Amino acid sequence: MKNDLEIQKDVIEQLKWEPFLNAAQIGVSVKNGIVTLSGQVDTYSKKILAEKTVKKVSGVKAIAEDIQVGLSPTYKKTDTEIAEAVVNAIKWHTMIPEDKIKVSVEEGNVKLEGEVEWEYQRNQAKTTVENLMGVRFITNLIAVKPKITPYELQQKITTSFQRSANIDAAKITAEVTGSHVTLKGKVRSFSEKEDAENAVWSAPGIISVENKLKIEEPEYAFED
């Protein structure tokens, strides 16, 4: 089992491995396997990438993300310009029903509202906006309108787990109540925990997921 110092070292090295990031701009501290990221980056997409990068590191149990977005003059845009860019980006994305999404922008903070049928559409709307110049933060209030029974949801989630090479389906249970899912059981890593949750979100009509999966401590064999 890795201690906090080893995890911190691995996280820093993983951040350095990402060419899009400047690891020197990001502070890393670790306590009981919980990683806190701090510092300042010049785009929102870098803030998101830093968090995704840390999730790949073994031993990480959770992430507290406190990175700030400080836009340089190069990336500075008016709220009107940002709003126009967001609307156009959503309009040109074939997976997103543009007529169902409402956009508002205040001081670079983008708010998305509306209703979609699938969680992937909700995620795609946010992902599409992440890489736009001038965006400082995104509040995704898009709702997923369920069009499927709890039993059908249960079957789709179980099948999804069984198809995945990264998920040990035998150790995970998904309890479905309406359009809400609670995950219980054990996983081998933070990455597997996230993969299981992402698999659930891929099912239609999901409104919320409570991830109670626990990360197992790896067992090591020692020779005498």
Protein backbone atom coordinates (compact mmCIF):
# COMPACT_ATOMS: atom_id res chain seq x y z
CA MET A 1 0.00 0.00 0.00
CA LYS A 2 1.38 3.40 -0.99
CA ASN A 3 1.78 6.10 1.63
CA ASP A 4 0.79 9.74 1.07
CA LEU A 5 4.30 10.80 0.07
CA GLU A 6 4.49 8.10 -2.61
CA ILE A 7 1.07 9.04 -3.95
CA GLN A 8 2.05 12.71 -4.07
CA LYS A 9 5.21 11.86 -6.03
CA ASP A 10 3.24 9.72 -8.51
CA VAL A 11 0.59 12.44 -8.99
CA ILE A 12 3.23 15.08 -9.71
CA GLU A 13 4.95 12.78 -12.21
CA GLN A 14 1.62 12.00 -13.90
CA LEU A 15 0.87 15.73 -14.25
CA LYS A 16 4.32 16.26 -15.81
CA TRP A 17 3.50 13.51 -18.30
CA GLU A 18 0.61 15.56 -19.76
CA PRO A 19 2.06 17.88 -22.45
CA PHE A 20 -0.99 20.16 -22.29
CA LEU A 21 -0.36 20.92 -18.60
CA ASN A 22 2.34 22.93 -16.84
CA ALA A 23 2.85 20.87 -13.68
CA ALA A 24 4.67 23.78 -12.02
CA GLN A 25 1.38 25.72 -11.95
CA ILE A 26 -0.41 23.00 -9.98
CA GLY A 27 0.07 22.33 -6.28
CA VAL A 28 -0.40 18.79 -4.96
CA SER A 29 -0.97 17.71 -1.36
CA VAL A 30 -2.11 14.31 -0.08
CA LYS A 31 -3.67 13.20 3.20
CA ASN A 32 -4.98 9.68 3.78
CA GLY A 33 -5.07 9.05 0.03
CA ILE A 34 -7.14 12.19 -0.64
CA VAL A 35 -5.41 14.47 -3.17
CA THR A 36 -5.90 18.24 -3.06
CA LEU A 37 -5.05 20.17 -6.21
CA SER A 38 -4.42 23.92 -6.05
CA GLY A 39 -2.84 26.65 -8.16
CA GLN A 40 -3.93 28.53 -11.28
CA VAL A 41 -4.27 27.60 -14.96
CA ASP A 42 -5.25 29.76 -17.94
CA THR A 43 -8.13 27.68 -19.33
CA TYR A 44 -11.02 25.70 -17.88
CA SER A 45 -10.10 22.69 -20.01
CA LYS A 46 -6.72 22.47 -18.23
CA LYS A 47 -8.47 22.50 -14.87
CA ILE A 48 -10.60 19.52 -15.98
CA LEU A 49 -7.62 17.71 -17.52
CA ALA A 50 -5.63 18.00 -14.28
CA GLU A 51 -8.43 16.29 -12.35
CA LYS A 52 -8.80 13.51 -14.95
CA THR A 53 -5.04 12.96 -14.93
CA VAL A 54 -4.90 12.50 -11.16
CA LYS A 55 -7.71 9.91 -11.27
CA LYS A 56 -5.39 7.63 -13.25
CA VAL A 57 -2.92 7.32 -10.36
CA SER A 58 -3.19 4.22 -8.19
CA GLY A 59 -3.72 4.79 -4.48
CA VAL A 60 -5.82 7.94 -4.98
CA LYS A 61 -9.07 7.59 -3.00
CA ALA A 62 -10.61 11.00 -3.71
CA ILE A 63 -9.78 14.40 -5.17
CA ALA A 64 -10.40 17.87 -3.73
CA GLU A 65 -10.08 20.24 -6.68
CA ASP A 66 -9.23 23.86 -5.85
CA ILE A 67 -7.51 24.96 -9.07
CA GLN A 68 -8.49 28.47 -10.18
CA VAL A 69 -8.84 29.67 -13.77
CA GLY A 70 -7.00 32.96 -14.32
CA LEU A 71 -7.51 34.03 -17.92
CA SER A 72 -4.69 35.81 -19.73
CA PRO A 73 -5.54 38.66 -22.16
CA THR A 74 -5.19 36.13 -24.99
CA TYR A 75 -8.13 34.11 -23.68
CA LYS A 76 -10.23 37.04 -22.46
CA LYS A 77 -13.67 37.24 -24.10
CA THR A 78 -16.84 39.19 -23.37
CA ASP A 79 -19.87 37.34 -22.03
CA THR A 80 -21.67 38.00 -25.33
CA GLU A 81 -18.81 36.46 -27.32
CA ILE A 82 -18.72 33.44 -25.00
CA ALA A 83 -22.51 32.97 -25.19
CA GLU A 84 -22.41 33.08 -29.01
CA ALA A 85 -19.55 30.56 -29.07
CA VAL A 86 -21.42 28.21 -26.69
CA VAL A 87 -24.66 28.36 -28.72
CA ASN A 88 -22.79 27.69 -31.97
CA ALA A 89 -20.76 24.83 -30.47
CA ILE A 90 -23.93 23.12 -29.23
CA LYS A 91 -25.70 23.81 -32.54
CA TRP A 92 -22.97 22.03 -34.53
CA HIS A 93 -22.82 19.00 -32.21
CA THR A 94 -24.97 16.24 -33.67
CA MET A 95 -25.46 14.46 -30.31
CA ILE A 96 -26.97 17.46 -28.53
CA PRO A 97 -30.59 18.58 -29.10
CA GLU A 98 -29.88 22.33 -29.40
CA ASP A 99 -33.56 23.29 -29.08
CA LYS A 100 -33.64 21.75 -25.59
CA ILE A 101 -30.64 23.66 -24.16
CA LYS A 102 -30.64 27.18 -22.68
CA VAL A 103 -27.39 29.10 -22.19
CA SER A 104 -26.52 32.03 -19.92
CA VAL A 105 -23.10 33.59 -19.22
CA GLU A 106 -21.95 35.92 -16.43
CA GLU A 107 -18.31 36.98 -16.02
CA GLY A 108 -17.12 33.95 -17.95
CA ASN A 109 -19.23 31.52 -15.92
CA VAL A 110 -21.47 29.47 -18.21
CA LYS A 111 -24.79 28.03 -17.03
CA LEU A 112 -26.49 25.28 -19.06
CA GLU A 113 -30.17 24.45 -18.51
CA GLY A 114 -32.85 22.36 -20.20
CA GLU A 115 -33.87 18.70 -20.60
CA VAL A 116 -32.39 15.77 -22.54
CA GLU A 117 -33.20 12.07 -22.72
CA TRP A 118 -29.71 10.65 -22.17
CA GLU A 119 -26.94 11.39 -19.69
CA TYR A 120 -24.34 11.30 -22.48
CA GLN A 121 -26.13 14.28 -24.09
CA ARG A 122 -25.90 16.18 -20.81
CA ASN A 123 -22.18 15.37 -20.56
CA GLN A 124 -21.50 16.21 -24.20
CA ALA A 125 -23.02 19.65 -23.75
CA LYS A 126 -20.61 20.39 -20.90
CA THR A 127 -17.60 18.84 -22.67
CA THR A 128 -18.30 20.90 -25.79
CA VAL A 129 -18.18 24.11 -23.75
CA GLU A 130 -15.07 23.19 -21.74
CA ASN A 131 -12.64 23.92 -24.57
CA LEU A 132 -14.05 27.31 -25.57
CA MET A 133 -11.93 30.42 -25.00
CA GLY A 134 -12.91 32.67 -22.11
CA VAL A 135 -14.83 30.05 -20.10
CA ARG A 136 -13.96 30.22 -16.40
CA PHE A 137 -16.50 27.79 -14.95
CA ILE A 138 -19.47 25.67 -16.06
CA THR A 139 -22.66 24.97 -14.12
CA ASN A 140 -24.49 22.10 -15.77
CA LEU A 141 -28.15 22.19 -14.73
CA ILE A 142 -29.40 20.17 -17.70
CA ALA A 143 -31.87 17.55 -16.47
CA VAL A 144 -32.22 14.00 -17.79
CA LYS A 145 -35.86 13.13 -18.40
CA PRO A 146 -36.38 9.40 -17.76
CA LYS A 147 -38.14 7.27 -20.39
CA ILE A 148 -37.42 3.78 -19.09
CA THR A 149 -38.61 1.47 -16.26
CA PRO A 150 -36.42 0.68 -13.22
CA TYR A 151 -36.32 -2.99 -14.21
CA GLU A 152 -35.04 -2.14 -17.70
CA LEU A 153 -32.44 0.14 -16.12
CA GLN A 154 -31.26 -2.67 -13.81
CA GLN A 155 -30.83 -5.03 -16.77
CA LYS A 156 -28.94 -2.50 -18.90
CA ILE A 157 -26.56 -1.60 -16.04
CA THR A 158 -25.80 -5.24 -15.17
CA THR A 159 -25.13 -6.08 -18.82
CA SER A 160 -22.87 -3.05 -19.14
CA PHE A 161 -20.78 -4.19 -16.15
CA GLN A 162 -20.43 -7.68 -17.61
CA ARG A 163 -19.22 -6.30 -20.96
CA SER A 164 -16.50 -4.15 -19.41
CA ALA A 165 -12.97 -5.53 -19.16
CA ASN A 166 -12.15 -2.96 -16.46
CA ILE A 167 -15.00 -3.82 -14.08
CA ASP A 168 -15.31 -6.89 -11.85
CA ALA A 169 -19.09 -7.22 -12.15
CA ALA A 170 -19.21 -9.99 -9.53
CA LYS A 171 -18.15 -7.56 -6.78
CA ILE A 172 -20.53 -4.72 -7.64
CA THR A 173 -24.28 -4.35 -7.13
CA ALA A 174 -26.45 -1.60 -8.56
CA GLU A 175 -29.65 -0.83 -6.64
CA VAL A 176 -32.21 0.99 -8.79
CA THR A 177 -34.95 3.13 -7.28
CA GLY A 178 -36.87 4.96 -9.96
CA SER A 179 -34.19 6.80 -11.92
CA HIS A 180 -31.71 6.79 -9.02
CA VAL A 181 -28.92 4.22 -8.72
CA THR A 182 -26.83 3.27 -5.68
CA LEU A 183 -23.58 1.40 -6.29
CA LYS A 184 -22.27 -0.92 -3.56
CA GLY A 185 -19.38 -3.35 -3.35
CA LYS A 186 -15.61 -3.31 -3.79
CA VAL A 187 -13.29 -2.20 -6.59
CA ARG A 188 -9.55 -2.46 -7.15
CA SER A 189 -8.83 1.20 -7.89
CA PHE A 190 -10.21 4.72 -8.08
CA SER A 191 -10.25 4.28 -11.85
CA GLU A 192 -12.47 1.17 -11.63
CA LYS A 193 -14.77 3.01 -9.24
CA GLU A 194 -15.15 5.80 -11.78
CA ASP A 195 -15.59 3.33 -14.68
CA ALA A 196 -18.47 1.65 -12.84
CA GLU A 197 -20.18 4.98 -12.24
CA ASN A 198 -19.67 6.03 -15.86
CA ALA A 199 -21.22 2.74 -16.98
CA VAL A 200 -24.32 3.56 -14.96
CA TRP A 201 -24.54 7.07 -16.37
CA SER A 202 -24.50 5.56 -19.88
CA ALA A 203 -27.93 4.01 -19.25
CA PRO A 204 -30.92 6.12 -20.42
CA GLY A 205 -32.95 8.17 -17.95
CA ILE A 206 -30.51 8.17 -15.02
CA ILE A 207 -31.01 11.22 -12.79
CA SER A 208 -28.55 10.52 -9.97
CA VAL A 209 -25.89 8.01 -8.91
CA GLU A 210 -24.75 7.41 -5.34
CA ASN A 211 -21.34 5.76 -5.53
CA LYS A 212 -20.69 3.79 -2.32
CA LEU A 213 -18.04 1.53 -3.86
CA LYS A 214 -15.04 0.97 -1.62
CA ILE A 215 -11.49 0.64 -2.88
CA GLU A 216 -9.85 -2.61 -1.77
CA GLU A 217 -6.35 -2.47 -0.45
CA PRO A 218 -4.18 -4.67 -2.70
CA GLU A 219 -2.80 -7.83 -1.16
CA TYR A 220 0.92 -8.42 -1.59
CA ALA A 221 2.70 -11.74 -1.34
CA PHE A 222 5.93 -11.62 0.63
CA GLU A 223 8.65 -14.21 0.41
CA ASP A 224 10.44 -15.42 3.50
